[in-house]
Protein backbone atom coordinates (compact mmCIF):
# COMPACT_ATOMS: atom_id res chain seq x y z
CA MET A 1 -38.87 204.61 57.97
CA PRO A 2 -38.62 200.99 57.36
CA LYS A 3 -40.12 198.06 59.11
CA PRO A 4 -38.20 194.92 59.66
CA ASN A 5 -40.30 192.33 60.28
CA GLY A 6 -43.67 194.08 59.95
CA ARG A 7 -42.88 196.63 63.10
CA PRO A 8 -41.43 199.83 63.23
CA ILE A 9 -38.04 200.66 64.80
CA GLU A 10 -39.23 203.30 67.02
CA GLU A 11 -42.05 200.54 68.24
CA ARG A 12 -39.12 197.90 68.98
CA LEU A 13 -36.77 200.48 70.78
CA GLU A 14 -39.58 201.57 73.19
CA THR A 15 -40.20 197.95 73.98
CA LEU A 16 -36.55 197.15 74.63
CA GLU A 17 -36.53 200.38 76.85
CA ALA A 18 -39.77 198.96 78.76
CA ALA A 19 -37.98 196.08 79.00
CA VAL A 20 -34.51 197.17 80.29
CA GLU A 21 -36.46 199.46 82.82
CA ASN A 22 -38.01 196.60 84.30
CA LEU A 23 -34.87 194.74 84.63
CA GLN A 24 -33.26 197.61 86.29
CA ASN A 25 -36.41 197.95 88.80
CA THR A 26 -36.16 193.97 89.77
CA LEU A 27 -32.48 194.03 90.18
CA THR A 28 -32.89 197.32 92.14
CA GLY A 29 -35.30 195.62 94.58
CA LEU A 30 -33.22 192.30 95.12
CA ILE A 31 -30.28 194.97 95.95
CA GLU A 32 -32.57 196.37 98.59
CA ALA A 33 -33.77 193.09 99.93
CA ILE A 34 -30.09 191.88 100.29
CA ALA A 35 -29.26 195.13 101.98
CA ARG A 36 -32.40 194.65 104.64
CA ARG A 37 -31.28 191.33 105.15
CA ASP A 38 -27.65 192.00 105.81
CA LYS A 39 -28.54 194.97 108.12
CA VAL A 40 -26.42 197.06 105.50
CA SER A 41 -26.72 200.88 106.83
CA GLY A 42 -26.96 203.61 104.16
CA ASP A 43 -29.01 204.99 101.70
CA LEU A 44 -29.99 202.55 99.30
CA ALA A 45 -30.76 205.47 96.69
CA ASP A 46 -26.61 205.88 96.55
CA VAL A 47 -26.05 202.24 95.32
CA ARG A 48 -24.45 202.48 92.26
CA PRO A 49 -26.10 200.53 88.88
CA ILE A 50 -25.14 197.21 88.60
CA THR A 51 -23.41 197.55 85.65
CA THR A 52 -20.76 199.59 87.30
CA LYS A 53 -19.94 198.00 90.15
CA PRO A 54 -21.00 194.15 90.37
CA LEU A 55 -22.65 192.73 93.46
CA ARG A 56 -20.41 190.27 95.10
CA PRO A 57 -21.66 187.33 96.67
CA ARG A 58 -20.91 186.44 100.18
CA ARG A 59 -19.23 183.76 101.15
CA LEU A 60 -20.65 181.31 103.60
CA GLN A 61 -18.61 179.38 105.87
CA PRO A 62 -18.67 175.97 105.13
CA SER A 63 -20.36 173.79 108.11
CA ILE A 64 -19.80 170.06 108.91
CA PRO A 65 -23.58 168.19 108.74
CA GLY A 66 -24.22 166.00 111.57
CA PRO A 67 -25.55 162.46 110.56
CA PHE A 68 -29.44 163.43 111.18
CA THR A 69 -28.74 166.72 109.39
CA THR A 70 -27.43 165.02 106.73
CA LEU A 71 -30.40 162.50 106.42
CA LEU A 72 -32.84 165.00 106.83
CA SER A 73 -31.42 167.22 103.64
CA ARG A 74 -31.59 164.67 101.23
CA GLY A 75 -34.81 165.32 100.20
CA PRO A 76 -37.91 162.88 99.67
CA GLN A 77 -36.37 161.35 97.01
CA TYR A 78 -33.81 159.30 99.09
CA TRP A 79 -36.58 158.41 101.35
CA ILE A 80 -39.51 157.63 98.96
CA SER A 81 -36.96 155.47 97.07
CA ARG A 82 -36.30 153.26 99.71
CA VAL A 83 -39.69 152.92 100.47
CA GLY A 84 -40.41 151.88 97.01
CA ILE A 85 -38.02 149.16 96.92
CA GLY A 86 -39.12 147.88 100.21
CA LEU A 87 -42.62 147.93 99.19
CA LEU A 88 -41.55 146.38 95.54
CA LEU A 89 -39.88 143.56 97.15
CA PHE A 90 -42.49 142.81 99.69
CA GLY A 91 -45.00 142.87 96.65
CA VAL A 92 -42.63 140.76 94.74
CA ALA A 93 -42.77 137.76 97.61
CA PHE A 94 -46.27 138.23 98.18
CA LEU A 95 -47.00 137.73 94.62
CA PHE A 96 -44.82 134.38 94.62
CA LYS A 97 -46.64 133.28 97.81
CA TYR A 98 -49.91 133.79 96.03
CA ALA A 99 -48.56 132.23 92.82
CA VAL A 100 -47.53 128.98 94.60
CA ASP A 101 -50.37 128.73 96.53
CA GLN A 102 -52.46 128.65 93.19
CA GLY A 103 -50.10 126.51 91.38
CA TRP A 104 -49.39 129.20 88.72
CA LEU A 105 -45.18 128.71 88.68
CA THR A 106 -43.53 125.70 88.95
CA PRO A 107 -39.87 125.98 90.65
CA GLU A 108 -38.02 126.56 87.38
CA ILE A 109 -40.38 129.34 86.44
CA ARG A 110 -39.56 131.19 89.86
CA VAL A 111 -36.11 130.52 89.68
CA VAL A 112 -36.08 132.05 86.40
CA PHE A 113 -38.54 135.02 87.29
CA GLY A 114 -36.16 136.26 90.28
CA LEU A 115 -33.02 136.33 87.99
CA ALA A 116 -35.24 138.35 85.25
CA LEU A 117 -36.34 140.52 87.59
CA GLY A 118 -32.82 140.98 89.23
CA ALA A 119 -31.57 141.80 85.84
CA VAL A 120 -34.58 144.50 84.83
CA LEU A 121 -33.33 146.10 88.39
CA ALA A 122 -29.67 146.25 87.41
CA THR A 123 -30.47 147.32 84.21
CA ILE A 124 -32.62 150.67 85.54
CA GLY A 125 -29.77 151.10 88.11
CA PHE A 126 -27.04 151.38 85.53
CA ARG A 127 -29.26 153.84 83.10
CA VAL A 128 -30.36 156.33 85.84
CA HIS A 129 -27.01 156.83 88.02
CA THR A 130 -26.04 159.79 85.98
CA ALA A 131 -29.10 161.37 86.66
CA GLN A 132 -30.29 159.82 90.18
CA ARG A 133 -27.81 158.28 91.87
CA TRP A 134 -29.34 157.24 95.12
CA PHE A 135 -31.94 156.07 93.25
CA SER A 136 -29.49 153.80 91.45
CA GLN A 137 -28.56 152.66 94.49
CA ILE A 138 -31.48 151.85 95.90
CA VAL A 139 -32.11 149.84 92.48
CA LEU A 140 -28.82 148.15 91.86
CA GLY A 141 -29.16 146.94 96.01
CA GLY A 142 -32.63 145.58 95.19
CA ALA A 143 -31.62 143.48 92.52
CA ALA A 144 -28.33 142.10 94.05
CA ALA A 145 -30.93 141.27 97.35
CA THR A 146 -33.18 139.70 94.33
CA TRP A 147 -30.55 137.45 93.01
CA TYR A 148 -28.89 135.94 96.41
CA ILE A 149 -32.63 135.15 97.77
CA THR A 150 -32.93 133.49 93.96
CA GLY A 151 -29.79 131.78 94.46
CA PHE A 152 -30.46 130.73 98.10
CA ALA A 153 -33.95 129.37 97.11
CA ALA A 154 -32.77 127.10 93.99
CA PHE A 155 -30.88 125.80 96.10
CA GLN A 156 -32.09 124.96 99.59
CA LEU A 157 -35.72 125.39 98.43
CA PHE A 158 -36.10 123.50 94.93
CA GLN A 159 -32.70 121.55 94.97
CA LEU A 160 -32.54 122.69 91.58
CA VAL A 161 -28.81 123.43 91.29
CA SER A 162 -25.81 121.75 92.52
CA HIS A 163 -23.92 123.24 95.40
CA PRO A 164 -20.94 123.97 93.13
CA VAL A 165 -23.48 125.94 90.78
CA ALA A 166 -25.47 128.09 93.23
CA PHE A 167 -21.87 128.89 94.96
CA ALA A 168 -20.36 129.86 91.78
CA PHE A 169 -23.74 131.98 91.05
CA MET A 170 -23.66 133.72 94.32
CA VAL A 171 -19.70 134.52 94.07
CA LEU A 172 -20.43 136.04 90.41
CA VAL A 173 -23.52 138.70 92.25
CA THR A 174 -20.32 139.18 94.72
CA VAL A 175 -18.06 140.17 92.41
CA PHE A 176 -20.82 141.96 90.08
CA LEU A 177 -21.53 144.41 93.33
CA PHE A 178 -17.83 145.03 94.14
CA TRP A 179 -17.34 146.23 90.33
CA ALA A 180 -20.51 147.96 90.72
CA SER A 181 -19.30 149.76 93.71
CA VAL A 182 -16.13 150.77 92.18
CA ARG A 183 -17.51 151.54 89.19
CA GLN A 184 -19.92 154.17 90.22
CA ASP A 185 -18.05 155.11 93.65
CA GLU A 186 -20.56 153.80 95.60
CA SER A 187 -19.35 152.37 99.16
CA VAL A 188 -23.00 150.88 99.84
CA LEU A 189 -22.70 148.92 97.05
CA ALA A 190 -19.25 147.37 98.81
CA VAL A 191 -20.79 146.98 101.77
CA LEU A 192 -23.93 145.05 100.75
CA ALA A 193 -21.36 142.70 98.50
CA ALA A 194 -19.01 142.16 101.64
CA VAL A 195 -22.07 141.20 103.52
CA GLY A 196 -23.54 138.94 100.99
CA GLY A 197 -20.16 137.40 100.02
CA LEU A 198 -19.46 136.43 103.94
CA GLY A 199 -23.01 135.56 104.06
CA THR A 200 -22.93 132.97 101.03
CA PRO A 201 -20.88 129.86 102.84
CA PHE A 202 -23.84 130.16 105.55
CA LEU A 203 -26.76 130.28 103.23
CA LEU A 204 -25.36 127.42 100.95
CA TYR A 205 -24.56 125.51 104.38
CA THR A 206 -24.32 121.56 103.77
CA GLU A 207 -23.17 119.09 105.91
CA ALA A 208 -20.20 118.10 103.99
CA GLY A 209 -18.64 121.74 104.09
CA SER A 210 -15.55 122.09 105.63
CA VAL A 211 -13.60 124.45 108.05
CA PRO A 212 -10.29 124.82 105.53
CA ALA A 213 -12.33 125.65 102.44
CA LEU A 214 -14.43 128.30 104.56
CA ILE A 215 -11.34 130.20 105.59
CA ALA A 216 -9.51 130.00 102.31
CA TYR A 217 -12.89 131.60 100.83
CA THR A 218 -13.08 134.10 103.41
CA SER A 219 -9.54 135.13 103.40
CA ILE A 220 -9.51 135.55 99.48
CA LEU A 221 -12.86 137.37 100.05
CA LEU A 222 -11.25 139.99 102.75
CA VAL A 223 -8.41 140.26 100.47
CA GLY A 224 -10.30 141.71 97.59
CA THR A 225 -11.91 143.87 100.36
CA SER A 226 -8.84 145.48 101.69
CA ALA A 227 -7.48 146.11 98.35
CA ILE A 228 -10.81 147.92 97.34
CA TYR A 229 -10.73 149.83 101.10
CA LEU A 230 -6.88 150.86 100.00
CA PHE A 231 -7.88 152.63 96.74
CA LYS A 232 -11.46 154.25 97.90
CA GLY A 233 -11.30 154.37 101.73
CA TRP A 234 -14.32 153.49 102.65
CA GLN A 235 -14.64 153.46 106.05
CA SER A 236 -18.14 151.53 106.07
CA LEU A 237 -16.30 148.95 103.81
CA LEU A 238 -13.22 148.49 106.38
CA TRP A 239 -15.51 148.15 109.62
CA VAL A 240 -18.89 145.83 107.79
CA THR A 241 -15.96 143.62 106.72
CA ALA A 242 -13.50 143.50 110.32
CA LEU A 243 -16.32 142.26 112.14
CA GLY A 244 -17.74 140.03 109.57
CA GLY A 245 -14.41 138.38 108.99
CA TRP A 246 -14.11 137.59 113.15
CA LEU A 247 -17.98 136.53 113.12
CA VAL A 248 -16.68 133.86 110.50
CA LEU A 249 -13.94 132.92 112.49
CA VAL A 250 -15.73 132.78 115.72
CA LEU A 251 -18.52 130.22 113.75
CA ALA A 252 -15.91 128.26 112.57
CA PHE A 253 -14.11 127.87 115.94
CA GLY A 254 -16.83 125.83 117.14
CA GLU A 255 -16.39 123.39 114.25
CA ASP A 256 -13.53 121.37 116.79
CA PRO A 257 -10.93 123.58 116.55
CA GLY A 258 -8.22 120.95 117.32
CA ALA A 259 -8.78 119.24 114.29
CA ASN A 260 -8.38 122.57 112.04
CA ARG A 261 -6.14 124.57 114.02
CA VAL A 262 -3.49 125.02 111.47
CA ALA A 263 -6.28 126.67 108.94
CA LEU A 264 -7.76 128.55 112.10
CA GLN A 265 -4.14 129.82 112.65
CA SER A 266 -4.01 130.89 108.50
CA GLY A 267 -7.22 132.64 108.94
CA VAL A 268 -6.21 134.23 112.19
CA MET A 269 -3.34 135.49 110.78
CA VAL A 270 -4.88 136.67 107.75
CA VAL A 271 -7.38 138.97 109.31
CA TRP A 272 -4.57 140.46 111.71
CA LEU A 273 -2.36 141.42 109.16
CA LEU A 274 -5.48 143.09 106.66
CA PHE A 275 -6.93 144.69 109.68
CA TRP A 276 -3.32 146.29 110.62
CA VAL A 277 -1.30 146.87 107.93
CA VAL A 278 -3.77 147.73 105.37
CA PRO A 279 -5.65 150.63 107.41
CA VAL A 280 -2.10 151.92 108.88
CA GLY A 281 -0.36 151.75 105.32
CA ARG A 282 -3.24 153.89 103.95
CA GLU A 283 -3.02 156.39 106.42
CA VAL A 284 0.70 156.54 105.72
CA LEU A 285 0.09 156.99 102.04
CA ALA A 286 -2.77 159.63 102.64
CA ARG A 287 -0.49 161.72 104.63
CA ARG A 288 2.37 161.54 102.00
CA GLU A 289 -0.06 162.05 98.98
CA PRO A 290 -3.38 163.77 100.42
CA SER A 291 -4.90 164.38 96.81
CA LYS A 292 -4.19 160.78 95.69
CA TRP A 293 -5.11 159.10 98.41
CA SER A 294 -7.89 161.17 100.57
CA TYR A 295 -10.99 159.78 102.13
CA PRO A 296 -14.16 160.51 100.82
CA LYS A 297 -17.17 162.24 102.30
CA SER A 298 -19.41 160.42 104.37
CA TRP A 299 -22.81 161.19 106.09
CA VAL A 300 -21.07 159.01 109.17
CA LEU A 301 -17.37 160.90 108.96
CA GLU A 302 -16.49 163.73 107.31
CA PRO A 303 -12.97 163.99 106.24
CA ARG A 304 -12.15 166.89 108.17
CA GLU A 305 -12.71 165.10 111.39
CA VAL A 306 -9.23 163.22 110.59
CA GLY A 307 -9.43 162.53 114.80
CA VAL A 308 -12.35 160.61 114.55
CA ARG A 309 -10.86 158.50 111.97
CA HIS A 310 -7.50 157.75 113.91
CA ASN A 311 -9.53 157.07 117.63
CA GLN A 312 -11.81 154.66 115.34
CA LEU A 313 -8.41 153.14 113.77
CA ALA A 314 -6.72 152.70 117.48
CA VAL A 315 -9.87 150.94 118.75
CA LEU A 316 -9.49 148.44 115.64
CA LEU A 317 -5.84 148.13 116.14
CA ILE A 318 -5.77 147.06 119.72
CA ALA A 319 -9.12 144.78 119.38
CA THR A 320 -7.43 142.99 116.70
CA ALA A 321 -4.21 142.28 118.64
CA VAL A 322 -6.02 141.08 121.71
CA ALA A 323 -8.25 138.91 119.72
CA THR A 324 -5.49 137.62 117.72
CA LEU A 325 -3.49 136.47 120.48
CA TYR A 326 -6.46 134.91 122.38
CA ALA A 327 -7.75 133.06 119.09
CA SER A 328 -4.54 131.75 118.53
CA HIS A 329 -4.30 130.81 122.25
CA VAL A 330 -7.71 129.17 121.96
CA ALA A 331 -6.63 127.19 118.49
CA TRP A 332 -3.40 125.55 120.10
CA ARG A 333 -4.69 125.07 123.43
CA PRO A 334 -1.24 124.69 124.96
CA THR A 335 -0.44 123.11 128.43
CA ASP A 336 2.83 125.63 128.85
CA ASP A 337 2.22 128.92 128.43
CA THR A 338 5.84 130.18 128.21
CA VAL A 339 5.93 130.15 124.50
CA TRP A 340 2.69 131.93 124.30
CA GLY A 341 3.83 134.71 126.76
CA VAL A 342 7.10 135.30 124.11
CA ILE A 343 5.06 135.36 121.47
CA ALA A 344 3.13 138.30 123.17
CA LEU A 345 6.05 140.31 124.01
CA VAL A 346 7.64 139.84 120.80
CA GLY A 347 4.38 141.36 119.33
CA ALA A 348 4.48 144.08 121.63
CA GLY A 349 7.91 144.78 120.24
CA LEU A 350 6.60 145.08 116.64
CA TYR A 351 3.87 147.35 117.61
CA GLY A 352 6.64 149.52 119.58
CA LEU A 353 8.75 149.46 116.14
CA VAL A 354 5.82 150.46 114.16
CA ALA A 355 5.56 153.31 116.53
CA TRP A 356 9.21 154.43 116.54
CA TYR A 357 8.23 154.54 112.41
CA LEU A 358 5.15 156.28 112.56
CA SER A 359 6.87 159.04 114.94
CA ARG A 360 9.44 160.19 111.87
CA PRO A 361 8.32 163.33 109.59
CA ASP A 362 6.95 161.04 106.74
CA GLY A 363 5.10 158.75 109.18
CA VAL A 364 1.54 159.31 110.97
CA PRO A 365 2.29 160.54 114.13
CA ALA A 366 -1.44 160.24 115.31
CA LEU A 367 -1.41 156.80 115.01
CA ARG A 368 1.79 156.30 117.29
CA PRO A 369 -0.39 156.20 120.60
CA ALA A 370 -2.46 153.29 119.61
CA HIS A 371 0.52 151.22 118.56
CA ILE A 372 2.04 152.18 122.16
CA ILE A 373 -0.88 151.61 123.91
CA THR A 374 -1.52 147.92 121.74
CA GLY A 375 2.32 147.05 122.90
CA ALA A 376 1.31 147.77 126.44
CA VAL A 377 -1.62 145.62 126.03
CA LEU A 378 0.34 142.77 124.74
CA THR A 379 3.53 143.31 127.28
CA ALA A 380 0.81 143.11 129.80
CA LEU A 381 -0.89 139.65 128.96
CA GLY A 382 2.67 138.36 128.07
CA ILE A 383 3.40 139.00 131.83
CA SER A 384 0.68 137.14 132.77
CA LEU A 385 1.50 134.11 130.89
CA LEU A 386 5.10 134.10 131.93
CA PHE A 387 5.04 135.52 135.62
CA ARG A 388 2.49 134.33 138.59
CA GLY A 389 2.50 136.22 142.14
CA HIS A 390 4.99 138.64 143.28
CA ALA A 391 7.20 139.49 140.08
CA GLU A 392 3.93 139.58 137.89
CA ILE A 393 2.58 142.91 140.42
CA VAL A 394 5.81 144.14 140.13
CA LEU A 395 6.45 144.27 136.36
CA PHE A 396 3.02 145.70 135.77
CA ALA A 397 4.15 148.64 138.23
CA VAL A 398 6.76 148.68 136.10
CA GLU A 399 4.99 149.10 132.68
CA ALA A 400 2.80 151.51 134.09
CA LEU A 401 5.34 153.54 135.57
CA ALA A 402 7.39 153.26 131.87
CA LEU A 403 4.06 154.26 130.07
CA HIS A 404 3.76 157.23 132.28
CA LEU A 405 7.57 158.27 131.28
CA LEU A 406 6.35 157.69 127.51
CA ALA A 407 3.29 159.90 127.74
CA LYS A 408 5.62 162.68 129.44
CA ARG A 409 8.39 162.37 126.81
CA LEU A 410 6.03 162.20 123.87
CA GLY A 411 2.84 164.55 125.14
CA GLU A 412 0.58 162.12 124.65
CA ARG A 413 -2.64 162.11 126.64
CA SER A 414 -4.28 158.55 125.44
CA VAL A 415 -0.41 157.03 126.61
CA GLY A 416 -0.79 158.35 130.38
CA THR A 417 -4.61 157.26 130.33
CA ALA A 418 -3.44 153.96 129.80
CA GLY A 419 -0.76 153.82 132.82
CA HIS A 420 -3.46 155.32 134.93
CA LEU A 421 -5.72 152.27 134.06
CA LEU A 422 -3.04 150.00 134.47
CA PHE A 423 -1.83 151.61 138.05
CA GLY A 424 -5.73 151.52 139.08
CA LEU A 425 -5.42 147.43 138.56
CA VAL A 426 -2.49 147.29 140.23
CA ALA A 427 -3.49 149.25 143.18
CA LEU A 428 -6.59 147.09 143.67
CA TRP A 429 -4.51 144.44 143.31
CA LEU A 430 -2.36 145.71 146.05
CA ALA A 431 -4.95 146.34 148.47
CA GLN A 432 -6.29 142.77 147.83
CA ARG A 433 -2.62 141.60 148.99
CA LEU A 434 -2.38 143.92 152.01
CA THR A 435 -5.73 143.46 153.50
CA ALA A 436 -6.96 139.84 152.52
CA GLU A 437 -4.05 137.89 152.61
CA PRO A 438 -2.83 136.37 155.78
CA PRO A 439 0.27 138.19 157.42
CA PRO A 440 3.85 136.81 157.03
CA GLU A 441 5.65 134.44 158.89
CA THR A 442 8.73 136.57 158.83
CA ALA A 443 8.12 140.24 159.14
CA ILE A 444 9.78 142.73 156.12
CA GLN A 445 12.46 139.76 155.15
CA ASN A 446 9.94 138.02 152.41
CA TRP A 447 9.32 138.48 148.96
CA ARG A 448 5.81 139.54 149.36
CA ALA A 449 6.59 142.40 151.44
CA LEU A 450 9.64 143.77 149.01
CA ALA A 451 7.15 143.20 146.12
CA ASP A 452 4.59 145.20 147.74
CA ALA A 453 7.19 147.77 148.64
CA GLY A 454 8.27 148.31 145.36
CA VAL A 455 4.84 148.77 143.81
CA ILE A 456 4.12 151.38 146.63
CA ALA A 457 7.55 153.16 145.44
CA ALA A 458 6.48 152.62 141.76
CA LEU A 459 3.15 154.98 142.76
CA LEU A 460 5.37 157.64 144.64
CA LEU A 461 7.60 157.58 141.56
CA ALA A 462 4.98 158.05 139.18
CA THR A 463 3.90 161.28 140.62
CA ARG A 464 6.93 163.08 139.02
CA TRP A 465 5.51 162.57 135.71
CA ILE A 466 1.48 162.54 135.98
CA ASN A 467 -0.55 165.79 136.06
CA ARG A 468 -0.53 167.72 138.89
CA ARG A 469 -4.72 167.43 139.42
CA ILE A 470 -4.33 163.59 139.58
CA ALA A 471 -0.91 163.31 141.81
CA PRO A 472 -2.88 163.37 145.05
CA VAL A 473 -4.72 160.42 144.30
CA TYR A 474 -1.46 158.41 143.72
CA TRP A 475 -0.13 159.95 147.06
CA VAL A 476 -3.31 159.00 148.95
CA ALA A 477 -3.04 155.42 147.53
CA ALA A 478 0.70 155.57 148.28
CA HIS A 479 0.16 156.56 151.71
CA LEU A 480 -2.67 154.06 152.61
CA ALA A 481 -0.77 151.55 151.07
CA ILE A 482 2.54 152.01 153.34
CA LEU A 483 0.04 151.97 156.56
CA ALA A 484 -1.17 148.71 155.57
CA TRP A 485 1.91 147.50 154.37
CA LEU A 486 3.54 148.41 158.18
CA TRP A 487 0.42 146.79 159.90
CA ARG A 488 0.88 143.51 158.21
CA GLU A 489 4.65 143.15 158.29
CA LEU A 490 5.23 144.53 161.68
CA SER A 491 2.02 142.56 163.49
CA VAL A 492 3.50 139.38 163.60
CA LEU A 493 6.67 141.01 165.69
CA PRO A 494 6.42 140.48 169.63
CA VAL A 495 3.87 143.00 171.09
CA GLY A 496 3.52 143.51 167.50
CA ASP A 497 0.35 145.87 167.78
CA GLY A 498 2.47 147.89 169.97
CA ILE A 499 5.10 148.36 167.17
CA VAL A 500 2.68 148.67 164.75
CA THR A 501 1.72 152.26 166.70
CA GLY A 502 5.03 153.05 167.02
CA ALA A 503 5.88 152.72 163.29
CA TRP A 504 3.05 154.66 162.35
CA GLY A 505 3.64 157.46 164.78
CA VAL A 506 7.35 157.72 163.76
CA TYR A 507 5.90 157.55 159.77
CA SER A 508 3.51 160.48 160.88
CA LEU A 509 6.39 162.68 162.52
CA GLY A 510 8.35 162.09 159.18
CA LEU A 511 5.83 163.97 157.39
CA LEU A 512 5.25 166.62 159.30
CA PHE A 513 8.70 167.50 159.36
CA PHE A 514 10.31 166.37 156.62
CA MET A 515 7.36 166.55 153.98
CA PRO A 516 5.94 170.30 154.38
CA LYS A 517 3.44 169.89 151.32
CA ALA A 518 1.98 166.58 153.19
CA ARG A 519 1.95 167.84 156.71
CA THR A 520 -1.55 167.95 156.73
CA VAL A 521 -1.58 164.39 155.83
CA GLY A 522 0.96 163.68 158.77
CA LEU A 523 -0.95 165.41 161.32
CA ALA A 524 -4.19 163.10 160.47
CA THR A 525 -2.20 160.22 160.53
CA LEU A 526 -1.17 161.14 163.83
CA PHE A 527 -4.41 161.75 165.10
CA ALA A 528 -5.64 158.16 163.97
CA THR A 529 -2.66 156.37 165.52
CA ALA A 530 -3.71 158.05 168.54
CA GLY A 531 -7.13 157.00 168.08
CA LYS A 532 -5.50 153.45 167.17
CA LEU A 533 -3.93 153.79 170.76
CA VAL A 534 -7.20 154.21 172.58
CA LEU A 535 -9.15 152.42 171.01
CA PHE A 536 -7.11 148.96 170.09
CA ASP A 537 -3.78 149.04 172.16
CA LEU A 538 -5.34 150.15 174.86
CA SER A 539 -6.98 146.57 175.52
CA GLN A 540 -4.36 144.43 173.25
CA VAL A 541 -0.58 145.38 174.41
CA GLU A 542 0.39 144.26 177.41
CA PRO A 543 0.81 146.99 180.60
CA ILE A 544 4.34 147.78 180.10
CA TRP A 545 3.97 148.56 176.63
CA ARG A 546 0.69 150.25 176.81
CA ILE A 547 2.48 152.99 179.50
CA LEU A 548 5.35 153.58 177.11
CA LEU A 549 2.89 154.15 174.34
CA PHE A 550 0.83 156.48 176.11
CA LEU A 551 3.77 158.25 177.61
CA SER A 552 5.61 158.56 174.34
CA PHE A 553 2.71 160.00 172.31
CA GLY A 554 1.38 162.51 175.23
CA ALA A 555 5.04 163.86 174.95
CA VAL A 556 5.18 164.15 171.51
CA PHE A 557 1.64 165.59 171.15
CA LEU A 558 2.65 168.35 173.94
CA ALA A 559 5.62 168.68 171.91
CA LEU A 560 4.21 169.37 168.64
CA GLY A 561 1.34 171.68 170.42
CA TYR A 562 4.29 173.62 171.83
CA TYR A 563 5.69 174.03 168.34
CA PHE A 564 2.81 174.91 166.52
CA ARG A 565 1.03 177.27 168.83
CA SER A 566 1.52 179.93 166.26
CA GLY A 567 -0.64 178.26 163.83
CA TRP A 568 0.04 176.40 160.61
CA ASN A 569 -0.03 179.26 158.19
CA ARG A 570 3.09 181.17 159.56
CA GLY A 571 5.12 177.59 159.24
CA GLU A 572 4.02 177.53 155.42
CA GLU A 573 5.18 180.94 154.56
CA ASN A 574 8.64 179.91 156.06
CA GLY A 575 8.72 177.04 154.28
CA SER A 576 8.58 174.24 157.26
CA PRO A 577 6.97 173.41 160.04
CA GLN A 578 9.54 174.50 162.71
CA ALA A 579 9.36 177.81 161.51
CA GLY A 580 5.75 178.48 162.41
CA GLY A 581 6.94 177.15 166.12
CA ARG A 582 10.11 179.29 166.20
CA GLU A 583 8.34 182.94 165.21
CA GLY A 584 5.46 182.05 167.54
CA GLY A 585 8.20 181.55 170.52
CA ARG A 586 9.92 184.83 169.97
């Protein structure tokens, strides 16, 4: 028998059979372990060989990790790298301080060393990006931080370079970070670049700086970050630049807004358009072409949680619109608010048109409520700027009523919530007008009485379009407002206290006999009226009127006792309070 490679064929076959038998035993043990874990019933001896029926792996349902779960799942490398870069930067700082104390390093050498260290870190970050992505982010961020500190030190501490040179260097670092973030698809680097870029004018601050130059630089930077957000969809970059842009404007407003109102207004308009048009436009594009304009995964916001992103965007839209109007008003400091009221109403109409466009099939209906609410806020601001007193509260009530109608027609709960909030403010204002202000000179025939009656009517009308569970709150508020309105308006008449008591009694009887659903409220009001008669009118009303009131209310209570002697339940079954009385009389 030939012996290839010095070994007999029989020996090689025996070795191969032994290896196959070991492999089969290993697979059998693996199958049994999987069967025990999944609690599969049956005899494991009947399992077919792996070669005739391959095992199909069980599909696991994907889960959405929370922020803390994702952080913990990144492994020790994530934390070790961050601790390492922090310790390295601290070590470099301590080394610098020690070298300076010993007189070893001149300012020029320190700057050169910072530039060289940043270059080394950047080179390492690019080289290890494919294999070690998280480590690459940390090292590149450390390189940028080193360069920013070096530029700041070279200008502010050592005065080695002029302001234009230092500013150009910091801008180059910012551009480098943006380029690296897009090239390596890393949102963290873009956020760091935005923070460094927005902070550059303040790191290199001089007395010769001007507000127009600051606004121009910030606007250019925000246009660049908005372009990156448009193509990448990084939510963290959007929020950092939005907050940072408004912070820069706030600081710029501290430098005599009157002398720089044109520059400030320009900056405000740029910020308003960028953080309204760009995010909304990207949502429209993402809806039309989801594969091209998708949103990246993030430990803060998973792409499946579209509702969370839309809610955050709604907050951004409303805050941006209000801040824009307020900042513009502060910049110009007008003596007459009429123009600004018209501007607010025009802005509300503009947001309303966008809400209508987003309702189309090719739009984003989920963003429609945000634009409706933003338009409502601007409308309320416009009303406050254009009107005062009675007309203002009536228009607020009409606007709240319109919000409830829209919520009913469109099925938008958030719009209805905005209507509830506005009605709450109107109700508080109405309570103050009914109780804290002095009574009128003429009963009922005055503008205040008509305005308050209109608000009460709006409260009652709103119950047709709101949730049944919330409607009783509106009914109770309107009921109390009617009682207070009658007291305020009728108390100025001769024998006004008695007339108020009579009016309350008539109103209570109206509830009892014409509104079966409000019968309990009517009866409670009637008893409250009787209490007023005994505790208040007994000492305040003239004798003849006191006698008439007591006789009238006594007769009313006796009549009610006769008609309702059979109980409330029978009356409710027949749909009216009289039915119970008639049935009991049979």
